[in-house]
Amino acid sequence: MAGDLAIVGFNTNIMNFIDQIDHNRLPEHIAIIMDGNGRWAKKQGLIRINGHKKGTQSVRDTVETCAELGIKYLTLYAFSTENWKRPKLEVDTLMNLLVSSLKKEIKTLQDNDISLNAIGSISNLPSKAQKELSEVIEKTKNNKRLRLTLALSYGSREELTKTVQEIALKVKNNVFSPHLISEAVIKEHLYTHDMPDVDLLIRTSGEQRISNFLLWQIAYAELYFTEVLWPDFKKEHLYEAIFNYQKRERRFGKTSEQIS
């Protein structure tokens, strides 16, 4: 009985946030730093890998909820360039989990009209992961409802370094002059060149850092930090983050009077 009441309360909270969300003011692009898998596992007396496995359910719930709401772009920080420094067993398990998850979720992506995208140094991933990733991207490329982007072997400093190198080479080869380098030109050379900037950045687990994630793209994003560990992140928490986002005034450097 107590469990049933808890479920009812949880669903009621979800409905409260759904009722308060303005569907005309949804963030176009949400990015999430999915943090806390290891700590979740430790709290349960389990090894870190169990936390990563449990976190895949939160990924599924979040992706489906974004599609249902009408969010156009969702970018998930799945594996950073710094994560390669973790113990080999954990890295290998994460790569295997990536492959198995892609195989399992292809039907969900197709059924929900979701296209898969990936950014980062994809060539650094194991060949099996690259192959599976490429196949799912190809199979879902014509889906239009939501673009799901996985940041894999991704680091924003690495992305910006690559961008500078590419632009410098074009200047050297007289493709264009240095004085023509603009924000638009820089954006064209980013991994996210065909995506809008991030409107809402969510980080779970209570940490309040950006951790080398989309540094250019979040210039005017609203930041939302929650204590919830990623494996415990449910629909309710995403609705709450969006509701919080909609209560903020986004000025982009202007005054409140100008916005009004």
C-alpha atoms as a PDB file:
ATOM      1  CA  MET A   1       0.000   0.000   0.000  1.00  0.00           C
ATOM      2  CA  ALA A   2       2.790   2.428   0.893  1.00  0.00           C
ATOM      3  CA  GLY A   3       4.511   1.639  -2.408  1.00  0.00           C
ATOM      4  CA  ASP A   4       1.294   2.312  -4.318  1.00  0.00           C
ATOM      5  CA  LEU A   5       0.888   5.662  -2.563  1.00  0.00           C
ATOM      6  CA  ALA A   6       4.476   6.593  -3.438  1.00  0.00           C
ATOM      7  CA  ILE A   7       3.814   5.837  -7.103  1.00  0.00           C
ATOM      8  CA  VAL A   8       0.629   7.907  -7.040  1.00  0.00           C
ATOM      9  CA  GLY A   9       2.523  10.814  -5.474  1.00  0.00           C
ATOM     10  CA  PHE A  10       5.292  10.547  -8.060  1.00  0.00           C
ATOM     11  CA  ASN A  11       2.786  10.572 -10.936  1.00  0.00           C
ATOM     12  CA  THR A  12       0.948  13.512  -9.369  1.00  0.00           C
ATOM     13  CA  ASN A  13       4.182  15.501  -9.283  1.00  0.00           C
ATOM     14  CA  ILE A  14       4.742  14.732 -12.963  1.00  0.00           C
ATOM     15  CA  MET A  15       1.230  15.924 -13.816  1.00  0.00           C
ATOM     16  CA  ASN A  16       1.752  19.134 -11.834  1.00  0.00           C
ATOM     17  CA  PHE A  17       4.845  20.007 -13.870  1.00  0.00           C
ATOM     18  CA  ILE A  18       3.191  18.965 -17.157  1.00  0.00           C
ATOM     19  CA  ASP A  19       0.260  21.285 -16.429  1.00  0.00           C
ATOM     20  CA  GLN A  20       2.603  24.201 -15.733  1.00  0.00           C
ATOM     21  CA  ILE A  21       4.858  23.802 -18.765  1.00  0.00           C
ATOM     22  CA  ASP A  22       4.256  26.305 -21.566  1.00  0.00           C
ATOM     23  CA  HIS A  23       4.533  24.259 -24.766  1.00  0.00           C
ATOM     24  CA  ASN A  24       5.092  27.459 -26.740  1.00  0.00           C
ATOM     25  CA  ARG A  25       8.296  28.207 -24.797  1.00  0.00           C
ATOM     26  CA  LEU A  26      10.072  24.877 -24.830  1.00  0.00           C
ATOM     27  CA  PRO A  27      13.868  24.865 -25.136  1.00  0.00           C
ATOM     28  CA  GLU A  28      14.793  23.891 -28.680  1.00  0.00           C
ATOM     29  CA  HIS A  29      18.070  22.247 -27.638  1.00  0.00           C
ATOM     30  CA  ILE A  30      18.658  20.483 -24.315  1.00  0.00           C
ATOM     31  CA  ALA A  31      22.095  19.161 -23.358  1.00  0.00           C
ATOM     32  CA  ILE A  32      22.688  16.883 -20.375  1.00  0.00           C
ATOM     33  CA  ILE A  33      25.809  15.972 -18.419  1.00  0.00           C
ATOM     34  CA  MET A  34      24.741  12.546 -17.154  1.00  0.00           C
ATOM     35  CA  ASP A  35      26.657  12.379 -13.892  1.00  0.00           C
ATOM     36  CA  GLY A  36      26.452  10.113 -10.859  1.00  0.00           C
ATOM     37  CA  ASN A  37      26.373   6.553 -12.180  1.00  0.00           C
ATOM     38  CA  GLY A  38      29.355   5.494 -10.081  1.00  0.00           C
ATOM     39  CA  ARG A  39      28.063   7.121  -6.894  1.00  0.00           C
ATOM     40  CA  TRP A  40      24.644   5.556  -7.426  1.00  0.00           C
ATOM     41  CA  ALA A  41      26.238   2.115  -7.649  1.00  0.00           C
ATOM     42  CA  LYS A  42      28.361   2.745  -4.548  1.00  0.00           C
ATOM     43  CA  LYS A  43      25.258   3.735  -2.569  1.00  0.00           C
ATOM     44  CA  GLN A  44      23.660   0.429  -3.594  1.00  0.00           C
ATOM     45  CA  GLY A  45      26.772  -1.538  -2.604  1.00  0.00           C
ATOM     46  CA  LEU A  46      27.439  -2.367  -6.269  1.00  0.00           C
ATOM     47  CA  ILE A  47      30.383  -1.872  -8.612  1.00  0.00           C
ATOM     48  CA  ARG A  48      30.476   1.208 -10.864  1.00  0.00           C
ATOM     49  CA  ILE A  49      29.496  -0.730 -13.985  1.00  0.00           C
ATOM     50  CA  ASN A  50      26.087  -1.467 -12.498  1.00  0.00           C
ATOM     51  CA  GLY A  51      25.491   2.269 -12.255  1.00  0.00           C
ATOM     52  CA  HIS A  52      26.273   2.733 -15.937  1.00  0.00           C
ATOM     53  CA  LYS A  53      23.900  -0.095 -16.856  1.00  0.00           C
ATOM     54  CA  LYS A  54      21.134   1.363 -14.688  1.00  0.00           C
ATOM     55  CA  GLY A  55      21.729   4.759 -16.279  1.00  0.00           C
ATOM     56  CA  THR A  56      20.689   3.456 -19.705  1.00  0.00           C
ATOM     57  CA  GLN A  57      17.063   3.380 -18.497  1.00  0.00           C
ATOM     58  CA  SER A  58      17.286   7.076 -17.643  1.00  0.00           C
ATOM     59  CA  VAL A  59      18.623   7.717 -21.150  1.00  0.00           C
ATOM     60  CA  ARG A  60      15.649   5.895 -22.657  1.00  0.00           C
ATOM     61  CA  ASP A  61      13.134   7.744 -20.468  1.00  0.00           C
ATOM     62  CA  THR A  62      14.711  11.124 -21.193  1.00  0.00           C
ATOM     63  CA  VAL A  63      14.865  10.579 -24.941  1.00  0.00           C
ATOM     64  CA  GLU A  64      11.255   9.407 -25.128  1.00  0.00           C
ATOM     65  CA  THR A  65      10.054  12.291 -22.949  1.00  0.00           C
ATOM     66  CA  CYS A  66      11.854  14.870 -25.098  1.00  0.00           C
ATOM     67  CA  ALA A  67      10.256  13.365 -28.201  1.00  0.00           C
ATOM     68  CA  GLU A  68       6.818  13.446 -26.577  1.00  0.00           C
ATOM     69  CA  LEU A  69       7.212  17.081 -25.515  1.00  0.00           C
ATOM     70  CA  GLY A  70       8.426  18.260 -28.906  1.00  0.00           C
ATOM     71  CA  ILE A  71      12.053  19.049 -28.029  1.00  0.00           C
ATOM     72  CA  LYS A  72      13.948  19.185 -31.327  1.00  0.00           C
ATOM     73  CA  TYR A  73      17.533  18.549 -30.171  1.00  0.00           C
ATOM     74  CA  LEU A  74      18.902  16.521 -27.258  1.00  0.00           C
ATOM     75  CA  THR A  75      22.650  16.148 -26.708  1.00  0.00           C
ATOM     76  CA  LEU A  76      23.951  13.699 -24.108  1.00  0.00           C
ATOM     77  CA  TYR A  77      27.512  13.748 -22.736  1.00  0.00           C
ATOM     78  CA  ALA A  78      28.106  10.013 -22.962  1.00  0.00           C
ATOM     79  CA  PHE A  79      31.923   9.708 -22.885  1.00  0.00           C
ATOM     80  CA  SER A  80      34.500  12.472 -22.619  1.00  0.00           C
ATOM     81  CA  THR A  81      38.066  12.637 -23.894  1.00  0.00           C
ATOM     82  CA  GLU A  82      39.127  12.529 -20.235  1.00  0.00           C
ATOM     83  CA  ASN A  83      37.152   9.332 -19.595  1.00  0.00           C
ATOM     84  CA  TRP A  84      39.796   7.331 -21.474  1.00  0.00           C
ATOM     85  CA  LYS A  85      41.928   7.763 -18.327  1.00  0.00           C
ATOM     86  CA  ARG A  86      39.567   5.569 -16.307  1.00  0.00           C
ATOM     87  CA  PRO A  87      40.437   1.925 -15.473  1.00  0.00           C
ATOM     88  CA  LYS A  88      40.581  -0.232 -18.607  1.00  0.00           C
ATOM     89  CA  LEU A  89      37.868  -2.580 -17.363  1.00  0.00           C
ATOM     90  CA  GLU A  90      35.430   0.295 -16.910  1.00  0.00           C
ATOM     91  CA  VAL A  91      36.262   1.798 -20.321  1.00  0.00           C
ATOM     92  CA  ASP A  92      35.898  -1.574 -22.064  1.00  0.00           C
ATOM     93  CA  THR A  93      32.587  -2.192 -20.332  1.00  0.00           C
ATOM     94  CA  LEU A  94      31.311   1.252 -21.295  1.00  0.00           C
ATOM     95  CA  MET A  95      32.220   0.619 -24.940  1.00  0.00           C
ATOM     96  CA  ASN A  96      30.465  -2.757 -24.884  1.00  0.00           C
ATOM     97  CA  LEU A  97      27.461  -1.144 -23.221  1.00  0.00           C
ATOM     98  CA  LEU A  98      27.380   1.463 -25.990  1.00  0.00           C
ATOM     99  CA  VAL A  99      27.270  -1.232 -28.672  1.00  0.00           C
ATOM    100  CA  SER A 100      24.602  -3.308 -26.932  1.00  0.00           C
ATOM    101  CA  SER A 101      22.474  -0.239 -26.186  1.00  0.00           C
ATOM    102  CA  LEU A 102      22.567   0.914 -29.806  1.00  0.00           C
ATOM    103  CA  LYS A 103      21.388  -2.512 -30.941  1.00  0.00           C
ATOM    104  CA  LYS A 104      18.569  -2.564 -28.393  1.00  0.00           C
ATOM    105  CA  GLU A 105      17.352   0.984 -28.976  1.00  0.00           C
ATOM    106  CA  ILE A 106      17.139   1.048 -32.773  1.00  0.00           C
ATOM    107  CA  LYS A 107      13.445   0.087 -32.645  1.00  0.00           C
ATOM    108  CA  THR A 108      12.715   2.790 -30.043  1.00  0.00           C
ATOM    109  CA  LEU A 109      14.430   5.387 -32.230  1.00  0.00           C
ATOM    110  CA  GLN A 110      12.483   4.312 -35.305  1.00  0.00           C
ATOM    111  CA  ASP A 111       9.143   4.084 -33.501  1.00  0.00           C
ATOM    112  CA  ASN A 112       9.593   7.604 -32.081  1.00  0.00           C
ATOM    113  CA  ASP A 113      10.910   9.165 -35.316  1.00  0.00           C
ATOM    114  CA  ILE A 114      14.273   9.983 -33.683  1.00  0.00           C
ATOM    115  CA  SER A 115      17.509  10.364 -35.630  1.00  0.00           C
ATOM    116  CA  LEU A 116      20.840   9.506 -34.022  1.00  0.00           C
ATOM    117  CA  ASN A 117      23.899  11.713 -34.343  1.00  0.00           C
ATOM    118  CA  ALA A 118      27.364  11.608 -32.756  1.00  0.00           C
ATOM    119  CA  ILE A 119      30.026  14.236 -32.098  1.00  0.00           C
ATOM    120  CA  GLY A 120      33.579  13.898 -30.871  1.00  0.00           C
ATOM    121  CA  SER A 121      36.701  11.992 -31.895  1.00  0.00           C
ATOM    122  CA  ILE A 122      34.666   9.039 -33.103  1.00  0.00           C
ATOM    123  CA  SER A 123      37.723   7.482 -34.757  1.00  0.00           C
ATOM    124  CA  ASN A 124      39.119   6.827 -31.255  1.00  0.00           C
ATOM    125  CA  LEU A 125      36.251   4.453 -30.418  1.00  0.00           C
ATOM    126  CA  PRO A 126      36.717   0.687 -30.859  1.00  0.00           C
ATOM    127  CA  SER A 127      35.940  -0.453 -34.408  1.00  0.00           C
ATOM    128  CA  LYS A 128      32.900  -2.423 -33.265  1.00  0.00           C
ATOM    129  CA  ALA A 129      31.426   0.640 -31.596  1.00  0.00           C
ATOM    130  CA  GLN A 130      32.153   2.776 -34.647  1.00  0.00           C
ATOM    131  CA  LYS A 131      30.446   0.233 -36.907  1.00  0.00           C
ATOM    132  CA  GLU A 132      27.307  -0.042 -34.770  1.00  0.00           C
ATOM    133  CA  LEU A 133      27.123   3.720 -34.346  1.00  0.00           C
ATOM    134  CA  SER A 134      27.462   4.291 -38.085  1.00  0.00           C
ATOM    135  CA  GLU A 135      24.755   1.750 -38.885  1.00  0.00           C
ATOM    136  CA  VAL A 136      22.224   3.255 -36.463  1.00  0.00           C
ATOM    137  CA  ILE A 137      22.974   6.780 -37.696  1.00  0.00           C
ATOM    138  CA  GLU A 138      22.389   5.640 -41.275  1.00  0.00           C
ATOM    139  CA  LYS A 139      19.164   3.783 -40.465  1.00  0.00           C
ATOM    140  CA  THR A 140      17.661   6.740 -38.584  1.00  0.00           C
ATOM    141  CA  LYS A 141      18.949   9.615 -40.719  1.00  0.00           C
ATOM    142  CA  ASN A 142      15.541  10.439 -42.213  1.00  0.00           C
ATOM    143  CA  ASN A 143      13.732  10.640 -38.856  1.00  0.00           C
ATOM    144  CA  LYS A 144      12.565  14.174 -38.057  1.00  0.00           C
ATOM    145  CA  ARG A 145      10.886  14.357 -34.646  1.00  0.00           C
ATOM    146  CA  LEU A 146      14.029  14.650 -32.501  1.00  0.00           C
ATOM    147  CA  ARG A 147      17.747  14.622 -33.137  1.00  0.00           C
ATOM    148  CA  LEU A 148      19.549  12.695 -30.420  1.00  0.00           C
ATOM    149  CA  THR A 149      23.273  13.458 -30.328  1.00  0.00           C
ATOM    150  CA  LEU A 150      25.738  11.388 -28.333  1.00  0.00           C
ATOM    151  CA  ALA A 151      28.947  13.188 -27.372  1.00  0.00           C
ATOM    152  CA  LEU A 152      31.485  10.349 -27.514  1.00  0.00           C
ATOM    153  CA  SER A 153      35.202  10.735 -26.922  1.00  0.00           C
ATOM    154  CA  TYR A 154      34.228  14.397 -26.846  1.00  0.00           C
ATOM    155  CA  GLY A 155      36.001  17.349 -25.295  1.00  0.00           C
ATOM    156  CA  SER A 156      35.157  20.959 -26.065  1.00  0.00           C
ATOM    157  CA  ARG A 157      38.778  22.127 -25.932  1.00  0.00           C
ATOM    158  CA  GLU A 158      39.680  19.415 -28.438  1.00  0.00           C
ATOM    159  CA  GLU A 159      36.788  20.552 -30.645  1.00  0.00           C
ATOM    160  CA  LEU A 160      37.882  24.188 -30.503  1.00  0.00           C
ATOM    161  CA  THR A 161      41.520  23.245 -31.167  1.00  0.00           C
ATOM    162  CA  LYS A 162      40.433  21.267 -34.245  1.00  0.00           C
ATOM    163  CA  THR A 163      38.343  24.213 -35.382  1.00  0.00           C
ATOM    164  CA  VAL A 164      41.259  26.654 -35.088  1.00  0.00           C
ATOM    165  CA  GLN A 165      43.537  24.265 -36.993  1.00  0.00           C
ATOM    166  CA  GLU A 166      41.036  23.860 -39.841  1.00  0.00           C
ATOM    167  CA  ILE A 167      40.472  27.595 -40.153  1.00  0.00           C
ATOM    168  CA  ALA A 168      44.216  28.327 -39.976  1.00  0.00           C
ATOM    169  CA  LEU A 169      44.835  25.847 -42.794  1.00  0.00           C
ATOM    170  CA  LYS A 170      42.215  27.540 -44.953  1.00  0.00           C
ATOM    171  CA  VAL A 171      43.786  30.934 -44.285  1.00  0.00           C
ATOM    172  CA  LYS A 172      47.184  29.491 -45.228  1.00  0.00           C
ATOM    173  CA  ASN A 173      45.711  28.144 -48.469  1.00  0.00           C
ATOM    174  CA  ASN A 174      44.055  31.495 -49.221  1.00  0.00           C
ATOM    175  CA  VAL A 175      40.536  30.120 -48.924  1.00  0.00           C
ATOM    176  CA  PHE A 176      39.679  33.285 -46.992  1.00  0.00           C
ATOM    177  CA  SER A 177      41.449  36.159 -45.244  1.00  0.00           C
ATOM    178  CA  PRO A 178      41.910  36.347 -41.453  1.00  0.00           C
ATOM    179  CA  HIS A 179      39.722  39.456 -41.178  1.00  0.00           C
ATOM    180  CA  LEU A 180      36.781  37.448 -42.560  1.00  0.00           C
ATOM    181  CA  ILE A 181      36.868  34.997 -39.668  1.00  0.00           C
ATOM    182  CA  SER A 182      33.612  35.560 -37.788  1.00  0.00           C
ATOM    183  CA  GLU A 183      31.501  33.750 -35.219  1.00  0.00           C
ATOM    184  CA  ALA A 184      29.563  32.262 -38.126  1.00  0.00           C
ATOM    185  CA  VAL A 185      32.761  30.924 -39.694  1.00  0.00           C
ATOM    186  CA  ILE A 186      33.830  29.359 -36.386  1.00  0.00           C
ATOM    187  CA  LYS A 187      30.402  27.769 -35.926  1.00  0.00           C
ATOM    188  CA  GLU A 188      30.636  26.232 -39.412  1.00  0.00           C
ATOM    189  CA  HIS A 189      33.713  24.290 -38.289  1.00  0.00           C
ATOM    190  CA  LEU A 190      32.315  22.949 -35.016  1.00  0.00           C
ATOM    191  CA  TYR A 191      30.960  19.412 -34.621  1.00  0.00           C
ATOM    192  CA  THR A 192      27.577  21.038 -34.000  1.00  0.00           C
ATOM    193  CA  HIS A 193      27.637  23.247 -37.114  1.00  0.00           C
ATOM    194  CA  ASP A 194      24.148  22.106 -38.196  1.00  0.00           C
ATOM    195  CA  MET A 195      22.544  22.408 -34.756  1.00  0.00           C
ATOM    196  CA  PRO A 196      21.255  25.429 -32.780  1.00  0.00           C
ATOM    197  CA  ASP A 197      23.079  26.531 -29.644  1.00  0.00           C
ATOM    198  CA  VAL A 198      22.064  24.931 -26.353  1.00  0.00           C
ATOM    199  CA  ASP A 199      19.112  26.546 -24.567  1.00  0.00           C
ATOM    200  CA  LEU A 200      19.124  24.427 -21.406  1.00  0.00           C
ATOM    201  CA  LEU A 201      22.084  22.563 -19.909  1.00  0.00           C
ATOM    202  CA  ILE A 202      21.256  20.042 -17.182  1.00  0.00           C
ATOM    203  CA  ARG A 203      23.805  18.387 -14.914  1.00  0.00           C
ATOM    204  CA  THR A 204      22.831  15.662 -12.482  1.00  0.00           C
ATOM    205  CA  SER A 205      24.468  14.462  -9.222  1.00  0.00           C
ATOM    206  CA  GLY A 206      24.925  17.828  -7.510  1.00  0.00           C
ATOM    207  CA  GLU A 207      28.207  18.732  -9.196  1.00  0.00           C
ATOM    208  CA  GLN A 208      28.257  22.274 -10.589  1.00  0.00           C
ATOM    209  CA  ARG A 209      30.867  22.128 -13.330  1.00  0.00           C
ATOM    210  CA  ILE A 210      30.744  22.239 -17.132  1.00  0.00           C
ATOM    211  CA  SER A 211      33.480  19.586 -17.460  1.00  0.00           C
ATOM    212  CA  ASN A 212      34.704  20.603 -20.928  1.00  0.00           C
ATOM    213  CA  PHE A 213      31.284  20.171 -22.534  1.00  0.00           C
ATOM    214  CA  LEU A 214      30.037  22.367 -25.405  1.00  0.00           C
ATOM    215  CA  LEU A 215      31.855  25.475 -24.161  1.00  0.00           C
ATOM    216  CA  TRP A 216      31.070  27.503 -27.299  1.00  0.00           C
ATOM    217  CA  GLN A 217      27.516  26.220 -27.666  1.00  0.00           C
ATOM    218  CA  ILE A 218      26.388  27.032 -24.111  1.00  0.00           C
ATOM    219  CA  ALA A 219      27.416  30.701 -24.201  1.00  0.00           C
ATOM    220  CA  TYR A 220      23.842  31.783 -23.394  1.00  0.00           C
ATOM    221  CA  ALA A 221      22.380  28.522 -22.138  1.00  0.00           C
ATOM    222  CA  GLU A 222      20.417  28.378 -18.914  1.00  0.00           C
ATOM    223  CA  LEU A 223      22.235  26.098 -16.450  1.00  0.00           C
ATOM    224  CA  TYR A 224      20.283  23.724 -14.230  1.00  0.00           C
ATOM    225  CA  PHE A 225      21.950  21.603 -11.549  1.00  0.00           C
ATOM    226  CA  THR A 226      20.124  18.862  -9.667  1.00  0.00           C
ATOM    227  CA  GLU A 227      21.211  16.639  -6.777  1.00  0.00           C
ATOM    228  CA  VAL A 228      19.555  13.633  -8.430  1.00  0.00           C
ATOM    229  CA  LEU A 229      22.032  10.957  -9.537  1.00  0.00           C
ATOM    230  CA  TRP A 230      21.656  10.052 -13.202  1.00  0.00           C
ATOM    231  CA  PRO A 231      20.226   6.525 -12.704  1.00  0.00           C
ATOM    232  CA  ASP A 232      17.466   8.107 -10.580  1.00  0.00           C
ATOM    233  CA  PHE A 233      16.678  10.840 -13.146  1.00  0.00           C
ATOM    234  CA  LYS A 234      13.042  10.378 -14.207  1.00  0.00           C
ATOM    235  CA  LYS A 235      10.441  12.175 -16.318  1.00  0.00           C
ATOM    236  CA  GLU A 236       9.498  14.243 -13.284  1.00  0.00           C
ATOM    237  CA  HIS A 237      13.010  15.650 -13.021  1.00  0.00           C
ATOM    238  CA  LEU A 238      13.156  16.599 -16.698  1.00  0.00           C
ATOM    239  CA  TYR A 239       9.775  18.334 -16.460  1.00  0.00           C
ATOM    240  CA  GLU A 240      11.007  20.171 -13.364  1.00  0.00           C
ATOM    241  CA  ALA A 241      14.148  21.348 -15.195  1.00  0.00           C
ATOM    242  CA  ILE A 242      12.091  22.626 -18.130  1.00  0.00           C
ATOM    243  CA  PHE A 243       9.625  24.351 -15.799  1.00  0.00           C
ATOM    244  CA  ASN A 244      12.558  26.028 -14.016  1.00  0.00           C
ATOM    245  CA  TYR A 245      13.969  27.105 -17.399  1.00  0.00           C
ATOM    246  CA  GLN A 246      10.671  28.707 -18.369  1.00  0.00           C
ATOM    247  CA  LYS A 247      10.603  30.819 -15.209  1.00  0.00           C
ATOM    248  CA  ARG A 248      13.846  32.533 -16.192  1.00  0.00           C
ATOM    249  CA  GLU A 249      14.230  35.700 -18.233  1.00  0.00           C
ATOM    250  CA  ARG A 250      16.598  35.156 -21.152  1.00  0.00           C
ATOM    251  CA  ARG A 251      18.054  38.542 -22.037  1.00  0.00           C
ATOM    252  CA  PHE A 252      21.054  37.689 -24.263  1.00  0.00           C
ATOM    253  CA  GLY A 253      22.851  40.826 -23.087  1.00  0.00           C
ATOM    254  CA  LYS A 254      19.813  43.117 -23.273  1.00  0.00           C
ATOM    255  CA  THR A 255      17.925  44.721 -20.402  1.00  0.00           C
ATOM    256  CA  SER A 256      14.625  43.463 -19.017  1.00  0.00           C
ATOM    257  CA  GLU A 257      12.893  46.517 -20.482  1.00  0.00           C
ATOM    258  CA  GLN A 258      14.189  45.708 -23.953  1.00  0.00           C
ATOM    259  CA  ILE A 259      12.937  42.149 -23.676  1.00  0.00           C
ATOM    260  CA  SER A 260       9.514  43.373 -22.552  1.00  0.00           C
END
